[in-house]
Amino acid sequence: MTLASKFAAGAGAAFFGALALTFAVSATSVRAEDKPAAAGEAAAEAHPHPHRQPWSFAGPFGKFDRAQLQRGYQVYKEVCSACHSMRLVAFRDLEENSGPAFSESQVKALAATFKVKDGPNEAGEMFERPGRPSDAFPSPFPNPQAARAALGAIPPDMSVLAKARDLHSGFPGFVIDAFTQYQEGGPDYIYALLNGYTKPDDPNFNAIFPGQHIAMPPPLSDGLVDYTDGAPKTTPQYAKDVTAFLMWAAEPKLEARKSLGFAVIIYLAVFAGLLYTIKKRLWAKVPH
């Protein structure tokens, strides 16, 4: 066996060994989280795993639905913003072509419907003014303590909620997800949670939330938000639209990332082919 062959064999063994070790560690971690076994099985039965939804932004070529994002913003503004903040999102972000794509005049009008605390003025006092496109979405409460006092719990900021609530498939699920490019665990969870209020006599019961008891009562109901584009005015539709909006807020450059990733894959494939061809040319006359 030549030196090159030995090196290739050693590198291959090291690669597959590291891969096997990674899988083993992942599997061990999943099993450790599920102990004891009986409790893990009971938890699985008590908390149904969210079904995967056919999101427009799913997959390697997925894109956001502009109309859906605009409806999702409407649901957030009329329902969610009463309790939840989005401090990492500015009104001007709503103009992005890869996002809701509101016009400049629409964004100015939308921002002006909010009151933003500013100052101090010449008298050294804080004051309220209409929102501007450069402002971040204002929080409904001045501080977390005020939110807890009013609601009994602190509502999470929604800026990156769709990524923070991502689901973990475990082994071998995460390997399959890597090939299928499944990255919508967070949106699937949020959508399922918003539709998880299955006991009308218990507004705090949620089949998806861990423990099945959630401080937030059902935020959505049929006919709550008045759509003007003909979309169904139902709870599942509201949940799907606001979830898509939250996914865009969490990853506004999703479309650019996917486009760049596809271009990089093509580049690497061509580059690898060129390197292989050069290698064959250079080593063709070398005796083995």
Protein backbone atom coordinates (compact mmCIF):
# COMPACT_ATOMS: atom_id res chain seq x y z
CA MET A 1 0.00 0.00 0.00
CA THR A 2 1.41 3.38 -1.01
CA LEU A 3 1.80 6.30 1.36
CA ALA A 4 -1.04 8.12 -0.36
CA SER A 5 -3.33 5.11 0.04
CA LYS A 6 -2.44 4.77 3.71
CA PHE A 7 -3.13 8.47 4.24
CA ALA A 8 -6.49 8.24 2.47
CA ALA A 9 -7.46 5.16 4.47
CA GLY A 10 -6.48 6.83 7.73
CA ALA A 11 -8.35 10.02 6.89
CA GLY A 12 -11.43 8.05 5.91
CA ALA A 13 -11.34 6.03 9.11
CA ALA A 14 -10.92 9.18 11.18
CA PHE A 15 -13.83 10.88 9.42
CA PHE A 16 -16.26 8.01 9.84
CA GLY A 17 -15.05 7.46 13.40
CA ALA A 18 -15.76 11.08 14.26
CA LEU A 19 -19.14 10.84 12.53
CA ALA A 20 -20.05 7.71 14.48
CA LEU A 21 -18.92 9.35 17.72
CA THR A 22 -21.07 12.39 17.00
CA PHE A 23 -24.11 10.22 16.37
CA ALA A 24 -23.44 8.22 19.52
CA VAL A 25 -23.09 11.33 21.67
CA SER A 26 -26.28 12.78 20.20
CA ALA A 27 -28.17 9.57 20.82
CA THR A 28 -26.85 9.39 24.37
CA SER A 29 -27.91 12.98 25.02
CA VAL A 30 -31.42 12.27 23.81
CA ARG A 31 -31.70 9.18 25.94
CA ALA A 32 -30.40 11.05 29.00
CA GLU A 33 -33.05 13.72 28.56
CA ASP A 34 -35.77 11.07 28.33
CA LYS A 35 -34.94 9.30 31.63
CA PRO A 36 -36.70 7.77 33.35
CA ALA A 37 -38.15 5.81 30.45
CA ALA A 38 -41.64 5.59 31.88
CA ALA A 39 -41.76 9.33 32.50
CA GLY A 40 -40.48 10.01 29.00
CA GLU A 41 -43.18 7.85 27.42
CA ALA A 42 -45.84 9.49 29.55
CA ALA A 43 -44.59 12.93 28.54
CA ALA A 44 -44.66 11.97 24.87
CA GLU A 45 -48.28 10.90 25.21
CA ALA A 46 -49.21 13.99 27.22
CA HIS A 47 -47.59 16.43 24.80
CA PRO A 48 -48.35 15.60 21.15
CA HIS A 49 -45.49 16.36 18.79
CA PRO A 50 -46.44 19.28 16.51
CA HIS A 51 -47.27 18.28 12.96
CA ARG A 52 -45.10 19.70 10.22
CA GLN A 53 -46.91 22.38 8.26
CA PRO A 54 -46.50 23.13 4.53
CA TRP A 55 -44.89 26.54 5.01
CA SER A 56 -44.11 28.57 1.90
CA PHE A 57 -40.66 29.34 3.33
CA ALA A 58 -39.78 25.69 3.95
CA GLY A 59 -37.13 23.81 2.01
CA PRO A 60 -33.98 24.97 0.23
CA PHE A 61 -35.95 27.15 -2.21
CA GLY A 62 -38.66 28.40 0.16
CA LYS A 63 -39.83 32.01 0.09
CA PHE A 64 -42.08 34.09 2.28
CA ASP A 65 -45.63 34.82 1.14
CA ARG A 66 -45.84 38.64 1.14
CA ALA A 67 -49.62 38.72 1.62
CA GLN A 68 -49.33 36.26 4.49
CA LEU A 69 -46.67 38.38 6.19
CA GLN A 70 -48.87 41.46 5.92
CA ARG A 71 -51.78 39.58 7.45
CA GLY A 72 -49.45 38.23 10.13
CA TYR A 73 -48.38 41.74 11.04
CA GLN A 74 -52.03 42.71 11.32
CA VAL A 75 -52.64 39.85 13.75
CA TYR A 76 -49.58 40.83 15.77
CA LYS A 77 -50.62 44.47 15.93
CA GLU A 78 -54.26 43.86 16.81
CA VAL A 79 -53.77 40.90 19.15
CA CYS A 80 -50.21 40.03 20.18
CA SER A 81 -48.83 43.54 20.70
CA ALA A 82 -51.17 44.05 23.66
CA CYS A 83 -48.87 41.81 25.72
CA HIS A 84 -45.77 40.92 23.70
CA SER A 85 -42.91 43.15 22.58
CA MET A 86 -40.72 42.88 19.47
CA ARG A 87 -37.86 45.12 20.50
CA LEU A 88 -35.47 43.91 17.75
CA VAL A 89 -37.81 44.81 14.88
CA ALA A 90 -38.17 48.37 13.55
CA PHE A 91 -41.11 49.68 11.56
CA ARG A 92 -38.84 50.38 8.58
CA ASP A 93 -38.07 46.66 8.40
CA LEU A 94 -41.62 46.19 7.16
CA GLU A 95 -40.54 47.81 3.87
CA GLU A 96 -38.08 45.03 3.01
CA ASN A 97 -38.80 43.28 -0.27
CA SER A 98 -37.97 39.98 1.40
CA GLY A 99 -40.49 40.76 4.13
CA PRO A 100 -44.01 42.19 4.25
CA ALA A 101 -42.99 44.72 1.57
CA PHE A 102 -45.23 47.54 2.75
CA SER A 103 -44.74 50.81 0.89
CA GLU A 104 -42.92 53.72 2.50
CA SER A 105 -46.16 55.62 3.03
CA GLN A 106 -47.81 52.57 4.56
CA VAL A 107 -44.93 52.11 6.99
CA LYS A 108 -45.13 55.75 8.07
CA ALA A 109 -48.86 55.39 8.65
CA LEU A 110 -48.43 52.12 10.56
CA ALA A 111 -45.69 53.58 12.77
CA ALA A 112 -47.78 56.67 13.52
CA THR A 113 -50.53 54.52 15.06
CA PHE A 114 -48.18 53.73 17.97
CA LYS A 115 -47.14 56.07 20.77
CA VAL A 116 -43.41 56.08 21.51
CA LYS A 117 -41.82 57.49 24.65
CA ASP A 118 -39.06 59.97 23.82
CA GLY A 119 -37.09 62.74 25.41
CA PRO A 120 -36.07 64.48 27.43
CA ASN A 121 -37.41 67.72 25.96
CA GLU A 122 -36.11 71.21 26.71
CA ALA A 123 -37.82 71.05 30.09
CA GLY A 124 -36.03 67.81 30.90
CA GLU A 125 -39.21 65.75 30.75
CA MET A 126 -40.03 62.59 28.83
CA PHE A 127 -42.92 62.76 26.41
CA GLU A 128 -44.89 60.63 23.98
CA ARG A 129 -44.94 61.15 20.23
CA PRO A 130 -46.25 59.24 17.21
CA GLY A 131 -43.99 56.44 16.06
CA ARG A 132 -41.51 56.85 13.20
CA PRO A 133 -40.23 54.26 10.73
CA SER A 134 -36.87 54.27 12.53
CA ASP A 135 -38.46 53.28 15.85
CA ALA A 136 -38.49 49.72 17.12
CA PHE A 137 -41.86 48.21 17.91
CA PRO A 138 -42.75 49.69 21.32
CA SER A 139 -43.23 47.43 24.31
CA PRO A 140 -46.71 47.39 25.85
CA PHE A 141 -45.17 47.61 29.32
CA PRO A 142 -42.45 49.93 30.66
CA ASN A 143 -40.56 47.08 32.35
CA PRO A 144 -40.83 43.32 33.06
CA GLN A 145 -42.11 43.93 36.58
CA ALA A 146 -45.07 45.89 35.23
CA ALA A 147 -45.83 43.07 32.80
CA ARG A 148 -45.74 40.49 35.58
CA ALA A 149 -47.98 42.61 37.79
CA ALA A 150 -50.54 43.06 35.03
CA LEU A 151 -50.53 39.56 33.54
CA GLY A 152 -49.22 37.30 36.27
CA ALA A 153 -46.23 36.31 34.10
CA ILE A 154 -43.71 38.00 31.82
CA PRO A 155 -44.66 37.52 28.15
CA PRO A 156 -41.62 36.60 26.03
CA ASP A 157 -40.32 39.05 23.48
CA MET A 158 -41.36 37.83 20.02
CA SER A 159 -38.42 39.13 17.99
CA VAL A 160 -36.69 35.75 17.64
CA LEU A 161 -39.36 33.51 19.17
CA ALA A 162 -39.69 31.38 16.03
CA LYS A 163 -36.02 30.38 16.29
CA ALA A 164 -35.87 30.18 20.09
CA ARG A 165 -38.74 27.67 20.19
CA ASP A 166 -37.11 25.31 17.70
CA LEU A 167 -37.72 21.58 18.12
CA HIS A 168 -34.96 18.99 18.48
CA SER A 169 -35.51 15.77 16.58
CA GLY A 170 -32.75 13.77 18.28
CA PHE A 171 -30.93 10.92 16.57
CA PRO A 172 -31.40 9.96 13.78
CA GLY A 173 -33.97 12.68 13.14
CA PHE A 174 -31.45 15.52 12.99
CA VAL A 175 -29.48 13.63 10.33
CA ILE A 176 -32.58 13.27 8.17
CA ASP A 177 -33.46 16.93 8.77
CA ALA A 178 -30.00 17.93 7.51
CA PHE A 179 -30.72 16.30 4.16
CA THR A 180 -34.34 17.48 3.89
CA GLN A 181 -33.39 20.99 5.11
CA TYR A 182 -36.12 20.95 7.75
CA GLN A 183 -35.69 24.12 9.81
CA GLU A 184 -39.28 24.95 10.67
CA GLY A 185 -39.53 23.34 14.11
CA GLY A 186 -40.12 26.71 15.78
CA PRO A 187 -42.98 27.77 13.49
CA ASP A 188 -44.54 24.31 13.75
CA TYR A 189 -44.44 24.56 17.55
CA ILE A 190 -45.91 28.08 17.67
CA TYR A 191 -48.69 27.18 15.24
CA ALA A 192 -49.54 24.04 17.21
CA LEU A 193 -49.51 25.95 20.50
CA LEU A 194 -51.89 28.62 19.19
CA ASN A 195 -54.25 25.83 18.16
CA GLY A 196 -53.62 23.76 21.29
CA TYR A 197 -56.42 25.16 23.46
CA THR A 198 -58.65 22.10 23.34
CA LYS A 199 -60.65 22.51 26.56
CA PRO A 200 -63.15 25.40 26.36
CA ASP A 201 -63.89 25.08 30.08
CA ASP A 202 -60.19 25.52 30.97
CA PRO A 203 -58.68 28.56 29.19
CA ASN A 204 -55.21 27.80 30.55
CA PHE A 205 -55.05 24.23 29.26
CA ASN A 206 -52.84 23.77 26.21
CA ALA A 207 -52.09 20.33 24.80
CA ILE A 208 -48.74 21.41 23.32
CA PHE A 209 -47.26 23.54 26.10
CA PRO A 210 -45.00 21.63 28.56
CA GLY A 211 -47.08 20.78 31.61
CA GLN A 212 -50.23 21.52 29.58
CA HIS A 213 -50.88 24.63 31.68
CA ILE A 214 -50.06 28.02 30.18
CA ALA A 215 -50.52 31.48 31.68
CA MET A 216 -51.73 32.89 28.35
CA PRO A 217 -55.43 32.27 27.65
CA PRO A 218 -56.49 31.62 24.05
CA PRO A 219 -55.40 34.76 22.17
CA LEU A 220 -57.19 33.95 18.92
CA SER A 221 -60.79 33.24 17.96
CA ASP A 222 -62.73 33.11 14.72
CA GLY A 223 -63.57 36.55 13.33
CA LEU A 224 -61.25 38.36 15.73
CA VAL A 225 -59.18 40.07 13.00
CA ASP A 226 -60.87 41.60 9.98
CA TYR A 227 -58.93 40.59 6.86
CA THR A 228 -59.60 42.62 3.72
CA ASP A 229 -57.96 40.32 1.17
CA GLY A 230 -60.50 37.51 1.35
CA ALA A 231 -58.42 35.18 3.53
CA PRO A 232 -60.40 33.00 5.97
CA LYS A 233 -61.09 34.70 9.30
CA THR A 234 -60.47 31.58 11.35
CA THR A 235 -58.20 30.72 14.26
CA PRO A 236 -56.02 28.32 12.22
CA GLN A 237 -55.54 30.97 9.52
CA TYR A 238 -54.68 33.66 12.07
CA ALA A 239 -52.22 31.28 13.73
CA LYS A 240 -50.56 30.40 10.43
CA ASP A 241 -50.26 34.04 9.35
CA VAL A 242 -48.82 35.38 12.60
CA THR A 243 -46.44 32.41 12.83
CA ALA A 244 -45.10 33.18 9.35
CA PHE A 245 -44.64 36.81 10.41
CA LEU A 246 -42.72 35.73 13.51
CA MET A 247 -40.49 33.52 11.38
CA TRP A 248 -39.68 36.47 9.13
CA ALA A 249 -38.98 38.66 12.19
CA ALA A 250 -36.60 36.02 13.54
CA GLU A 251 -34.82 35.47 10.23
CA PRO A 252 -35.45 38.40 7.86
CA LYS A 253 -32.57 37.35 5.57
CA LEU A 254 -33.86 33.80 5.09
CA GLU A 255 -34.40 34.14 1.35
CA ALA A 256 -30.98 35.71 0.80
CA ARG A 257 -29.34 32.97 2.88
CA LYS A 258 -30.97 30.22 0.86
CA SER A 259 -30.08 31.85 -2.46
CA LEU A 260 -26.47 32.33 -1.39
CA GLY A 261 -26.28 28.77 -0.08
CA PHE A 262 -27.45 27.36 -3.41
CA ALA A 263 -24.89 29.46 -5.28
CA VAL A 264 -22.13 28.31 -2.92
CA ILE A 265 -23.05 24.65 -3.44
CA ILE A 266 -22.84 25.08 -7.22
CA TYR A 267 -19.50 26.87 -6.88
CA LEU A 268 -18.07 24.16 -4.64
CA ALA A 269 -19.26 21.42 -6.98
CA VAL A 270 -17.59 23.08 -9.97
CA PHE A 271 -14.46 23.84 -7.94
CA ALA A 272 -14.23 20.23 -6.75
CA GLY A 273 -14.53 19.03 -10.34
CA LEU A 274 -11.73 21.32 -11.45
CA LEU A 275 -9.49 20.20 -8.59
CA TYR A 276 -10.12 16.56 -9.44
CA THR A 277 -9.30 17.18 -13.10
CA ILE A 278 -6.08 19.01 -12.20
CA LYS A 279 -5.10 16.25 -9.82
CA LYS A 280 -5.60 13.62 -12.52
CA ARG A 281 -3.50 15.64 -14.95
CA LEU A 282 -0.66 16.24 -12.49
CA TRP A 283 -0.45 12.66 -11.24
CA ALA A 284 -1.19 10.90 -14.51
CA LYS A 285 2.50 10.32 -15.34
CA VAL A 286 3.61 9.49 -11.80
CA PRO A 287 4.20 5.73 -11.37
CA HIS A 288 2.15 4.08 -8.60
